[in-house]
C-alpha atoms as a PDB file:
ATOM      1  CA  MET A   1      94.432 117.511 262.574  1.00  0.00           C
ATOM      2  CA  ARG A   2      95.983 120.254 260.764  1.00  0.00           C
ATOM      3  CA  ALA A   3      93.688 123.014 259.536  1.00  0.00           C
ATOM      4  CA  ARG A   4      92.601 123.832 256.012  1.00  0.00           C
ATOM      5  CA  GLN A   5      95.556 125.435 254.285  1.00  0.00           C
ATOM      6  CA  GLU A   6      94.400 127.916 252.027  1.00  0.00           C
ATOM      7  CA  PRO A   7      95.922 129.372 248.702  1.00  0.00           C
ATOM      8  CA  ASP A   8      98.258 132.283 248.588  1.00  0.00           C
ATOM      9  CA  ALA A   9      96.526 135.171 247.265  1.00  0.00           C
ATOM     10  CA  ARG A  10      99.580 135.877 244.678  1.00  0.00           C
ATOM     11  CA  LEU A  11      99.215 131.962 244.309  1.00  0.00           C
ATOM     12  CA  LEU A  12      95.199 132.508 243.143  1.00  0.00           C
ATOM     13  CA  SER A  13      96.669 135.747 241.190  1.00  0.00           C
ATOM     14  CA  LEU A  14      99.009 133.735 238.730  1.00  0.00           C
ATOM     15  CA  ALA A  15      96.621 130.795 238.605  1.00  0.00           C
ATOM     16  CA  GLU A  16      93.682 133.374 237.463  1.00  0.00           C
ATOM     17  CA  ALA A  17      95.734 134.689 234.794  1.00  0.00           C
ATOM     18  CA  GLN A  18      96.831 130.914 233.728  1.00  0.00           C
ATOM     19  CA  ASP A  19      93.094 130.025 233.368  1.00  0.00           C
ATOM     20  CA  GLY A  20      92.947 128.578 236.670  1.00  0.00           C
ATOM     21  CA  VAL A  21      96.530 126.577 236.060  1.00  0.00           C
ATOM     22  CA  LEU A  22      99.589 126.322 238.397  1.00  0.00           C
ATOM     23  CA  THR A  23     102.936 124.399 238.878  1.00  0.00           C
ATOM     24  CA  LEU A  24     104.198 123.527 241.824  1.00  0.00           C
ATOM     25  CA  GLY A  25     107.674 125.196 240.622  1.00  0.00           C
ATOM     26  CA  GLN A  26     105.605 128.601 240.602  1.00  0.00           C
ATOM     27  CA  ALA A  27     104.116 128.128 243.647  1.00  0.00           C
ATOM     28  CA  ALA A  28     107.554 127.462 245.474  1.00  0.00           C
ATOM     29  CA  ASP A  29     108.749 130.634 243.480  1.00  0.00           C
ATOM     30  CA  LEU A  30     105.772 132.571 245.320  1.00  0.00           C
ATOM     31  CA  GLY A  31     107.471 131.399 248.748  1.00  0.00           C
ATOM     32  CA  VAL A  32     104.850 128.997 249.447  1.00  0.00           C
ATOM     33  CA  GLY A  33     106.663 125.995 251.482  1.00  0.00           C
ATOM     34  CA  PRO A  34     106.957 122.552 249.817  1.00  0.00           C
ATOM     35  CA  TRP A  35     104.715 121.118 252.566  1.00  0.00           C
ATOM     36  CA  ALA A  36     101.556 123.595 252.143  1.00  0.00           C
ATOM     37  CA  VAL A  37     102.144 122.973 248.005  1.00  0.00           C
ATOM     38  CA  ARG A  38     101.930 119.311 248.729  1.00  0.00           C
ATOM     39  CA  ARG A  39      98.906 119.304 251.025  1.00  0.00           C
ATOM     40  CA  LEU A  40      97.005 121.900 248.633  1.00  0.00           C
ATOM     41  CA  ALA A  41      97.712 119.660 245.463  1.00  0.00           C
ATOM     42  CA  GLU A  42      96.702 116.131 247.290  1.00  0.00           C
ATOM     43  CA  ALA A  43      93.463 117.804 248.882  1.00  0.00           C
ATOM     44  CA  GLN A  44      92.273 120.235 246.446  1.00  0.00           C
ATOM     45  CA  TRP A  45      94.015 120.747 243.077  1.00  0.00           C
ATOM     46  CA  GLN A  46      93.314 118.281 240.027  1.00  0.00           C
ATOM     47  CA  ARG A  47      96.482 117.031 239.010  1.00  0.00           C
ATOM     48  CA  LEU A  48      96.772 117.505 234.939  1.00  0.00           C
ATOM     49  CA  ALA A  49     100.096 116.200 234.688  1.00  0.00           C
ATOM     50  CA  PRO A  50     103.355 115.915 236.977  1.00  0.00           C
ATOM     51  CA  GLY A  51     103.721 119.023 238.574  1.00  0.00           C
ATOM     52  CA  VAL A  52     100.967 120.649 237.060  1.00  0.00           C
ATOM     53  CA  PHE A  53      97.768 121.333 238.301  1.00  0.00           C
ATOM     54  CA  TYR A  54      93.897 122.723 237.779  1.00  0.00           C
ATOM     55  CA  LEU A  55      92.883 124.960 240.745  1.00  0.00           C
ATOM     56  CA  GLY A  56      89.448 125.280 239.666  1.00  0.00           C
ATOM     57  CA  LEU A  57      86.129 122.760 240.413  1.00  0.00           C
ATOM     58  CA  GLY A  58      84.796 120.202 237.313  1.00  0.00           C
ATOM     59  CA  ALA A  59      86.354 119.448 234.170  1.00  0.00           C
ATOM     60  CA  PRO A  60      89.222 121.633 233.439  1.00  0.00           C
ATOM     61  CA  PRO A  61      87.972 123.822 230.225  1.00  0.00           C
ATOM     62  CA  TRP A  62      90.047 123.749 226.831  1.00  0.00           C
ATOM     63  CA  ARG A  63      92.121 127.026 227.952  1.00  0.00           C
ATOM     64  CA  ALA A  64      92.837 125.273 231.148  1.00  0.00           C
ATOM     65  CA  GLN A  65      94.383 122.062 229.538  1.00  0.00           C
ATOM     66  CA  ALA A  66      96.309 124.264 226.691  1.00  0.00           C
ATOM     67  CA  TRP A  67      97.959 126.463 229.480  1.00  0.00           C
ATOM     68  CA  ALA A  68      98.805 123.246 231.175  1.00  0.00           C
ATOM     69  CA  GLY A  69     100.798 122.194 227.806  1.00  0.00           C
ATOM     70  CA  LEU A  70     102.879 125.444 227.377  1.00  0.00           C
ATOM     71  CA  LEU A  71     103.896 125.090 231.029  1.00  0.00           C
ATOM     72  CA  VAL A  72     104.517 121.269 230.324  1.00  0.00           C
ATOM     73  CA  GLY A  73     106.428 122.414 227.014  1.00  0.00           C
ATOM     74  CA  GLY A  74     108.673 124.876 229.179  1.00  0.00           C
ATOM     75  CA  PRO A  75     109.746 128.359 228.820  1.00  0.00           C
ATOM     76  CA  HIS A  76     109.881 128.634 225.093  1.00  0.00           C
ATOM     77  CA  ALA A  77     106.896 125.933 224.293  1.00  0.00           C
ATOM     78  CA  ARG A  78     104.166 127.890 222.203  1.00  0.00           C
ATOM     79  CA  LEU A  79     101.044 126.259 220.802  1.00  0.00           C
ATOM     80  CA  ALA A  80     100.417 125.433 216.869  1.00  0.00           C
ATOM     81  CA  GLY A  81      98.368 123.820 214.666  1.00  0.00           C
ATOM     82  CA  GLU A  82      94.486 123.781 215.420  1.00  0.00           C
ATOM     83  CA  ALA A  83      94.979 125.136 219.245  1.00  0.00           C
ATOM     84  CA  ALA A  84      96.745 128.370 217.740  1.00  0.00           C
ATOM     85  CA  ALA A  85      93.973 128.234 214.723  1.00  0.00           C
ATOM     86  CA  HIS A  86      91.281 127.948 216.889  1.00  0.00           C
ATOM     87  CA  LEU A  87      92.866 130.607 219.337  1.00  0.00           C
ATOM     88  CA  HIS A  88      93.557 132.920 216.439  1.00  0.00           C
ATOM     89  CA  GLY A  89      89.784 132.542 215.321  1.00  0.00           C
ATOM     90  CA  LEU A  90      90.165 130.581 212.374  1.00  0.00           C
ATOM     91  CA  LEU A  91      88.659 127.594 213.781  1.00  0.00           C
ATOM     92  CA  ALA A  92      85.457 127.772 215.386  1.00  0.00           C
ATOM     93  CA  GLU A  93      85.340 124.701 217.647  1.00  0.00           C
ATOM     94  CA  PRO A  94      88.781 123.838 220.020  1.00  0.00           C
ATOM     95  CA  PRO A  95      90.611 120.906 218.946  1.00  0.00           C
ATOM     96  CA  ALA A  96      90.763 117.335 220.817  1.00  0.00           C
ATOM     97  CA  THR A  97      94.319 117.279 220.966  1.00  0.00           C
ATOM     98  CA  VAL A  98      96.353 120.288 221.910  1.00  0.00           C
ATOM     99  CA  GLU A  99      99.620 120.698 220.165  1.00  0.00           C
ATOM    100  CA  VAL A 100     102.623 122.346 221.476  1.00  0.00           C
ATOM    101  CA  LEU A 101     105.937 123.003 219.862  1.00  0.00           C
ATOM    102  CA  VAL A 102     109.104 122.868 221.874  1.00  0.00           C
ATOM    103  CA  PRO A 103     112.760 123.919 221.268  1.00  0.00           C
ATOM    104  CA  PHE A 104     114.421 121.602 218.912  1.00  0.00           C
ATOM    105  CA  ASP A 105     116.772 120.227 221.414  1.00  0.00           C
ATOM    106  CA  ARG A 106     114.334 119.512 224.200  1.00  0.00           C
ATOM    107  CA  GLN A 107     112.258 116.487 223.910  1.00  0.00           C
ATOM    108  CA  VAL A 108     108.658 115.745 225.713  1.00  0.00           C
ATOM    109  CA  ARG A 109     106.773 112.661 225.711  1.00  0.00           C
ATOM    110  CA  ASP A 110     103.035 113.129 224.382  1.00  0.00           C
ATOM    111  CA  ARG A 111     100.534 112.818 226.992  1.00  0.00           C
ATOM    112  CA  TRP A 112      96.292 113.106 226.801  1.00  0.00           C
ATOM    113  CA  PRO A 113      95.587 115.766 225.324  1.00  0.00           C
ATOM    114  CA  TRP A 114      99.218 116.942 224.262  1.00  0.00           C
ATOM    115  CA  THR A 115     101.194 116.403 221.498  1.00  0.00           C
ATOM    116  CA  PHE A 116     104.648 117.676 221.256  1.00  0.00           C
ATOM    117  CA  ARG A 117     106.820 118.522 218.600  1.00  0.00           C
ATOM    118  CA  ARG A 118     110.184 119.930 218.483  1.00  0.00           C
ATOM    119  CA  GLU A 119     110.160 122.483 216.391  1.00  0.00           C
ATOM    120  CA  ARG A 120     113.153 123.257 213.634  1.00  0.00           C
ATOM    121  CA  PRO A 121     114.835 126.902 213.918  1.00  0.00           C
ATOM    122  CA  GLY A 122     114.540 128.999 210.771  1.00  0.00           C
ATOM    123  CA  VAL A 123     110.661 127.150 209.803  1.00  0.00           C
ATOM    124  CA  ARG A 124     108.630 129.757 211.216  1.00  0.00           C
ATOM    125  CA  GLU A 125     108.966 133.257 212.271  1.00  0.00           C
ATOM    126  CA  GLN A 126     110.352 133.459 216.391  1.00  0.00           C
ATOM    127  CA  ARG A 127     108.027 135.696 217.677  1.00  0.00           C
ATOM    128  CA  SER A 128     105.052 134.014 219.508  1.00  0.00           C
ATOM    129  CA  VAL A 129     101.790 136.147 220.200  1.00  0.00           C
ATOM    130  CA  GLY A 130      99.099 136.236 222.547  1.00  0.00           C
ATOM    131  CA  VAL A 131      99.175 135.608 226.391  1.00  0.00           C
ATOM    132  CA  LEU A 132      98.252 132.030 225.415  1.00  0.00           C
ATOM    133  CA  SER A 133     101.654 131.750 223.332  1.00  0.00           C
ATOM    134  CA  ARG A 134     101.257 130.759 219.789  1.00  0.00           C
ATOM    135  CA  THR A 135     102.667 130.548 216.152  1.00  0.00           C
ATOM    136  CA  THR A 136     101.528 134.089 214.559  1.00  0.00           C
ATOM    137  CA  VAL A 137      98.454 133.816 212.169  1.00  0.00           C
ATOM    138  CA  GLU A 138     100.778 133.662 209.008  1.00  0.00           C
ATOM    139  CA  ASP A 139     102.449 130.590 210.690  1.00  0.00           C
ATOM    140  CA  THR A 140      99.578 128.866 211.851  1.00  0.00           C
ATOM    141  CA  VAL A 141      97.861 129.052 208.762  1.00  0.00           C
ATOM    142  CA  LEU A 142     101.097 127.207 206.454  1.00  0.00           C
ATOM    143  CA  ASP A 143     101.106 124.799 208.700  1.00  0.00           C
ATOM    144  CA  LEU A 144      97.752 123.914 208.337  1.00  0.00           C
ATOM    145  CA  VAL A 145      98.286 124.002 204.681  1.00  0.00           C
ATOM    146  CA  ASP A 146     101.104 121.686 204.748  1.00  0.00           C
ATOM    147  CA  ARG A 147      99.173 118.981 206.245  1.00  0.00           C
ATOM    148  CA  ALA A 148      95.817 119.806 203.776  1.00  0.00           C
ATOM    149  CA  THR A 149      94.828 116.776 201.533  1.00  0.00           C
ATOM    150  CA  SER A 150      92.704 118.534 198.860  1.00  0.00           C
ATOM    151  CA  ALA A 151      92.850 121.633 197.218  1.00  0.00           C
ATOM    152  CA  ARG A 152      89.246 123.075 198.636  1.00  0.00           C
ATOM    153  CA  GLU A 153      90.626 122.783 202.089  1.00  0.00           C
ATOM    154  CA  VAL A 154      93.868 124.856 200.776  1.00  0.00           C
ATOM    155  CA  GLN A 155      91.527 127.262 199.889  1.00  0.00           C
ATOM    156  CA  GLY A 156      89.487 127.658 202.541  1.00  0.00           C
ATOM    157  CA  LEU A 157      92.116 128.169 204.924  1.00  0.00           C
ATOM    158  CA  VAL A 158      93.936 131.033 202.948  1.00  0.00           C
ATOM    159  CA  ALA A 159      90.554 132.585 202.033  1.00  0.00           C
ATOM    160  CA  SER A 160      88.967 132.804 205.371  1.00  0.00           C
ATOM    161  CA  ALA A 161      92.311 133.734 206.994  1.00  0.00           C
ATOM    162  CA  VAL A 162      92.595 137.006 204.998  1.00  0.00           C
ATOM    163  CA  GLN A 163      88.207 137.417 204.440  1.00  0.00           C
ATOM    164  CA  GLN A 164      88.559 137.282 208.369  1.00  0.00           C
ATOM    165  CA  ARG A 165      91.333 140.040 208.594  1.00  0.00           C
ATOM    166  CA  ARG A 166      93.033 137.903 210.336  1.00  0.00           C
ATOM    167  CA  THR A 167      96.030 138.568 208.092  1.00  0.00           C
ATOM    168  CA  THR A 168      96.834 139.965 204.728  1.00  0.00           C
ATOM    169  CA  VAL A 169      98.014 138.835 201.249  1.00  0.00           C
ATOM    170  CA  VAL A 170     101.052 140.478 201.659  1.00  0.00           C
ATOM    171  CA  ARG A 171     101.735 139.171 205.084  1.00  0.00           C
ATOM    172  CA  LEU A 172     101.035 135.220 204.295  1.00  0.00           C
ATOM    173  CA  ARG A 173     103.235 136.189 200.737  1.00  0.00           C
ATOM    174  CA  ARG A 174     106.239 137.353 202.972  1.00  0.00           C
ATOM    175  CA  ALA A 175     105.909 134.125 205.340  1.00  0.00           C
ATOM    176  CA  ALA A 176     105.796 131.498 202.278  1.00  0.00           C
ATOM    177  CA  ALA A 177     108.415 132.935 200.693  1.00  0.00           C
ATOM    178  CA  GLY A 178     110.603 132.357 203.995  1.00  0.00           C
ATOM    179  CA  ARG A 179     109.728 128.820 204.318  1.00  0.00           C
ATOM    180  CA  ALA A 180     112.489 126.492 201.899  1.00  0.00           C
ATOM    181  CA  ARG A 181     109.605 124.053 202.122  1.00  0.00           C
ATOM    182  CA  LEU A 182     105.923 124.324 201.726  1.00  0.00           C
ATOM    183  CA  ARG A 183     103.509 121.909 200.445  1.00  0.00           C
ATOM    184  CA  HIS A 184     101.148 123.139 198.082  1.00  0.00           C
ATOM    185  CA  ARG A 185     103.230 125.974 197.326  1.00  0.00           C
ATOM    186  CA  ARG A 186     102.175 126.705 194.127  1.00  0.00           C
ATOM    187  CA  LEU A 187      98.702 126.854 194.928  1.00  0.00           C
ATOM    188  CA  VAL A 188      98.945 129.035 197.815  1.00  0.00           C
ATOM    189  CA  GLU A 189     100.796 131.305 195.657  1.00  0.00           C
ATOM    190  CA  ALA A 190      97.928 131.221 193.017  1.00  0.00           C
ATOM    191  CA  LEU A 191      95.229 131.439 195.889  1.00  0.00           C
ATOM    192  CA  LEU A 192      96.935 134.965 196.939  1.00  0.00           C
ATOM    193  CA  ASP A 193      96.770 136.362 193.509  1.00  0.00           C
ATOM    194  CA  ASP A 194      92.872 135.465 193.489  1.00  0.00           C
ATOM    195  CA  VAL A 195      91.972 136.884 196.803  1.00  0.00           C
ATOM    196  CA  ALA A 196      94.315 139.778 196.221  1.00  0.00           C
ATOM    197  CA  ASP A 197      92.223 140.135 192.767  1.00  0.00           C
ATOM    198  CA  GLY A 198      88.907 140.017 195.165  1.00  0.00           C
ATOM    199  CA  ALA A 199      87.962 136.572 195.796  1.00  0.00           C
ATOM    200  CA  GLU A 200      86.868 136.302 198.591  1.00  0.00           C
ATOM    201  CA  THR A 201      85.974 132.733 199.900  1.00  0.00           C
ATOM    202  CA  PRO A 202      86.509 129.544 198.589  1.00  0.00           C
ATOM    203  CA  LEU A 203      83.322 129.184 196.800  1.00  0.00           C
ATOM    204  CA  GLU A 204      84.240 132.766 194.822  1.00  0.00           C
ATOM    205  CA  ILE A 205      88.099 130.776 194.278  1.00  0.00           C
ATOM    206  CA  ALA A 206      86.288 127.717 192.908  1.00  0.00           C
ATOM    207  CA  TYR A 207      84.204 129.703 190.453  1.00  0.00           C
ATOM    208  CA  LEU A 208      87.273 131.783 189.436  1.00  0.00           C
ATOM    209  CA  HIS A 209      88.891 128.511 188.505  1.00  0.00           C
ATOM    210  CA  GLN A 210      86.768 126.022 187.744  1.00  0.00           C
ATOM    211  CA  VAL A 211      83.871 128.351 185.655  1.00  0.00           C
ATOM    212  CA  GLU A 212      85.298 131.611 184.158  1.00  0.00           C
ATOM    213  CA  ARG A 213      89.305 130.874 183.672  1.00  0.00           C
ATOM    214  CA  ALA A 214      88.627 126.868 182.853  1.00  0.00           C
ATOM    215  CA  HIS A 215      85.923 128.038 180.191  1.00  0.00           C
ATOM    216  CA  GLY A 216      87.547 131.118 178.521  1.00  0.00           C
ATOM    217  CA  LEU A 217      84.818 133.337 179.988  1.00  0.00           C
ATOM    218  CA  PRO A 218      84.932 137.080 180.444  1.00  0.00           C
ATOM    219  CA  ARG A 219      86.396 138.219 183.403  1.00  0.00           C
ATOM    220  CA  GLY A 220      84.186 139.403 185.804  1.00  0.00           C
ATOM    221  CA  VAL A 221      84.811 142.247 188.621  1.00  0.00           C
ATOM    222  CA  ARG A 222      84.576 140.754 192.005  1.00  0.00           C
ATOM    223  CA  GLN A 223      82.928 142.210 195.006  1.00  0.00           C
ATOM    224  CA  HIS A 224      81.292 145.209 193.089  1.00  0.00           C
ATOM    225  CA  ARG A 225      79.298 147.791 194.963  1.00  0.00           C
ATOM    226  CA  ALA A 226      76.573 148.873 193.301  1.00  0.00           C
ATOM    227  CA  GLY A 227      75.922 152.494 193.607  1.00  0.00           C
ATOM    228  CA  HIS A 228      72.178 152.363 192.941  1.00  0.00           C
ATOM    229  CA  SER A 229      71.610 150.337 195.735  1.00  0.00           C
ATOM    230  CA  GLY A 230      74.728 149.618 197.585  1.00  0.00           C
ATOM    231  CA  ALA A 231      74.860 145.947 196.941  1.00  0.00           C
ATOM    232  CA  VAL A 232      77.772 143.922 196.889  1.00  0.00           C
ATOM    233  CA  ARG A 233      77.462 141.801 194.113  1.00  0.00           C
ATOM    234  CA  ASP A 234      79.923 138.321 194.226  1.00  0.00           C
ATOM    235  CA  VAL A 235      80.679 138.949 190.206  1.00  0.00           C
ATOM    236  CA  LEU A 236      79.759 141.140 188.095  1.00  0.00           C
ATOM    237  CA  TYR A 237      79.895 141.130 184.200  1.00  0.00           C
ATOM    238  CA  GLU A 238      79.399 144.522 183.920  1.00  0.00           C
ATOM    239  CA  GLU A 239      79.684 145.071 180.006  1.00  0.00           C
ATOM    240  CA  PHE A 240      76.932 142.847 180.003  1.00  0.00           C
ATOM    241  CA  ALA A 241      74.569 143.714 182.781  1.00  0.00           C
ATOM    242  CA  VAL A 242      74.964 140.153 184.269  1.00  0.00           C
ATOM    243  CA  VAL A 243      75.454 139.496 187.840  1.00  0.00           C
ATOM    244  CA  VAL A 244      76.325 136.387 189.667  1.00  0.00           C
ATOM    245  CA  GLU A 245      75.715 135.582 192.889  1.00  0.00           C
ATOM    246  CA  LEU A 246      77.730 133.029 194.811  1.00  0.00           C
ATOM    247  CA  ASP A 247      75.997 131.178 197.987  1.00  0.00           C
ATOM    248  CA  GLY A 248      77.915 128.444 199.884  1.00  0.00           C
ATOM    249  CA  ARG A 249      75.110 128.062 202.461  1.00  0.00           C
ATOM    250  CA  LEU A 250      73.305 125.149 202.731  1.00  0.00           C
ATOM    251  CA  GLY A 251      69.725 127.180 202.607  1.00  0.00           C
ATOM    252  CA  HIS A 252      68.269 130.433 202.109  1.00  0.00           C
ATOM    253  CA  GLU A 253      66.122 130.648 205.386  1.00  0.00           C
ATOM    254  CA  GLY A 254      65.461 133.855 207.780  1.00  0.00           C
ATOM    255  CA  ALA A 255      67.020 137.170 206.937  1.00  0.00           C
ATOM    256  CA  GLY A 256      69.634 136.425 204.645  1.00  0.00           C
ATOM    257  CA  ARG A 257      67.022 134.648 202.248  1.00  0.00           C
ATOM    258  CA  PHE A 258      65.163 138.366 201.852  1.00  0.00           C
ATOM    259  CA  ARG A 259      68.771 139.883 201.682  1.00  0.00           C
ATOM    260  CA  ASP A 260      69.477 137.995 198.710  1.00  0.00           C
ATOM    261  CA  LEU A 261      65.765 138.700 197.373  1.00  0.00           C
ATOM    262  CA  ASP A 262      66.186 141.993 197.893  1.00  0.00           C
ATOM    263  CA  ARG A 263      69.415 142.385 196.241  1.00  0.00           C
ATOM    264  CA  ASP A 264      68.399 140.412 192.914  1.00  0.00           C
ATOM    265  CA  ASN A 265      65.583 142.690 192.840  1.00  0.00           C
ATOM    266  CA  ALA A 266      67.499 145.938 192.858  1.00  0.00           C
ATOM    267  CA  ALA A 267      69.577 144.406 190.300  1.00  0.00           C
ATOM    268  CA  THR A 268      66.155 143.968 187.700  1.00  0.00           C
ATOM    269  CA  VAL A 269      65.671 147.350 188.460  1.00  0.00           C
ATOM    270  CA  ALA A 270      68.872 148.303 187.088  1.00  0.00           C
ATOM    271  CA  GLY A 271      68.441 146.171 183.941  1.00  0.00           C
ATOM    272  CA  GLU A 272      71.139 143.457 185.294  1.00  0.00           C
ATOM    273  CA  LEU A 273      70.317 139.848 184.940  1.00  0.00           C
ATOM    274  CA  THR A 274      71.342 137.657 188.194  1.00  0.00           C
ATOM    275  CA  LEU A 275      72.233 134.165 188.071  1.00  0.00           C
ATOM    276  CA  ARG A 276      72.790 132.496 191.392  1.00  0.00           C
ATOM    277  CA  TYR A 277      74.877 129.199 192.190  1.00  0.00           C
ATOM    278  CA  GLY A 278      76.162 127.383 195.033  1.00  0.00           C
ATOM    279  CA  TRP A 279      78.755 124.841 195.708  1.00  0.00           C
ATOM    280  CA  HIS A 280      77.138 121.311 194.029  1.00  0.00           C
ATOM    281  CA  ASP A 281      76.806 123.601 190.825  1.00  0.00           C
ATOM    282  CA  VAL A 282      80.571 125.105 191.150  1.00  0.00           C
ATOM    283  CA  ALA A 283      82.201 121.692 191.901  1.00  0.00           C
ATOM    284  CA  ASP A 284      80.451 119.084 190.414  1.00  0.00           C
ATOM    285  CA  ARG A 285      78.581 121.088 187.276  1.00  0.00           C
ATOM    286  CA  SER A 286      81.004 123.601 186.428  1.00  0.00           C
ATOM    287  CA  CYS A 287      80.791 122.821 182.876  1.00  0.00           C
ATOM    288  CA  ALA A 288      77.080 123.283 182.825  1.00  0.00           C
ATOM    289  CA  VAL A 289      77.359 126.383 184.742  1.00  0.00           C
ATOM    290  CA  ALA A 290      79.802 127.630 182.028  1.00  0.00           C
ATOM    291  CA  ALA A 291      77.650 126.921 179.091  1.00  0.00           C
ATOM    292  CA  GLN A 292      74.563 128.457 180.903  1.00  0.00           C
ATOM    293  CA  LEU A 293      76.440 131.323 181.373  1.00  0.00           C
ATOM    294  CA  GLY A 294      77.805 131.698 177.998  1.00  0.00           C
ATOM    295  CA  VAL A 295      74.461 131.450 176.568  1.00  0.00           C
ATOM    296  CA  VAL A 296      73.293 134.787 178.797  1.00  0.00           C
ATOM    297  CA  LEU A 297      75.962 136.715 178.055  1.00  0.00           C
ATOM    298  CA  ALA A 298      76.226 135.781 174.363  1.00  0.00           C
ATOM    299  CA  ARG A 299      72.316 137.270 174.253  1.00  0.00           C
ATOM    300  CA  ARG A 300      73.839 140.132 175.982  1.00  0.00           C
ATOM    301  CA  GLY A 301      75.908 140.993 173.425  1.00  0.00           C
ATOM    302  CA  TRP A 302      79.530 138.806 174.032  1.00  0.00           C
ATOM    303  CA  ASP A 303      80.687 138.055 170.468  1.00  0.00           C
ATOM    304  CA  ASP A 304      82.311 134.630 171.901  1.00  0.00           C
ATOM    305  CA  GLU A 305      81.630 131.136 173.390  1.00  0.00           C
ATOM    306  CA  PRO A 306      82.847 129.071 176.149  1.00  0.00           C
ATOM    307  CA  ARG A 307      85.557 126.674 175.568  1.00  0.00           C
ATOM    308  CA  ARG A 308      85.887 123.279 176.139  1.00  0.00           C
ATOM    309  CA  CYS A 309      88.061 121.907 179.372  1.00  0.00           C
ATOM    310  CA  HIS A 310      89.122 118.709 180.364  1.00  0.00           C
ATOM    311  CA  ARG A 311      86.036 118.147 182.314  1.00  0.00           C
ATOM    312  CA  CYS A 312      84.064 118.924 179.247  1.00  0.00           C
ATOM    313  CA  ARG A 313      85.039 115.675 177.851  1.00  0.00           C
ATOM    314  CA  ARG A 314      82.874 113.998 180.532  1.00  0.00           C
ATOM    315  CA  VAL A 315      80.077 115.637 179.988  1.00  0.00           C
ATOM    316  CA  VAL A 316      78.059 113.681 177.900  1.00  0.00           C
ATOM    317  CA  GLY A 317      75.107 116.246 175.618  1.00  0.00           C
ATOM    318  CA  MET A 318      75.752 119.074 177.985  1.00  0.00           C
ATOM    319  CA  ILE A 319      72.359 120.749 178.382  1.00  0.00           C
ATOM    320  CA  VAL A 320      72.046 124.576 179.540  1.00  0.00           C
END
């Protein structure tokens, strides 16, 4: 009986750097003989794909599967789509399917959990980032925008990337301008203008479009920091001492609820009136919100009134 084969230390070091994944070719390059590699692969390693193995115990973690996809894809492969978004911190949960880009002249057959896409030159920046090679943040956002099925989804992608400081408006503009084809291009350009003006979240962008602009309301100041308390207000109509707070959370429990109360109380002390709206108000009741805000602003000196938008025609007997 042959003795149990122990992996070479260099081989283990390389596998550790690749989240436990190794190819037979890499093992051979490190001088591990073909018999030793075959013995280890058969007795101790988990086969993820032909010639690609996981050296750990139990189910391979997501990062190991991502590494395996890159190794199957070849030297110039890189992660894209939701896989790249997860690694960039844009998506909290790892996707079930790992998307891998390969050079256009290379054909790789899909096999779970990997999908391989041939990448046309000139569409994305050629630079890859990260130890797990992936598309840049800007190209990742634009790739996901191309697949988005709603304006709200596009809003979330663009706003979140900038709000989390993963990228900037300038870098996203440059990447978008470099693409000959980009779905939702006009929406992306408008969103980047909004974000540059201070709208940080999808809810703030929706409020700006569906409530304020659609109904001809005065232009509010975004992300205004109060001098007397240091609190940041989502929208301040400074001339009329009216604050609008936008809350996309499902509830107002815990410490966040008390921060909201403190902020509202500080505004009241300063002589400001605070109105608070959530997603349901802005998305489904934008006309009623505009009418309510118009009444409040008029009582505080605004000498105009909200104009009717195309949605207002569907609102019968709008009550403030």
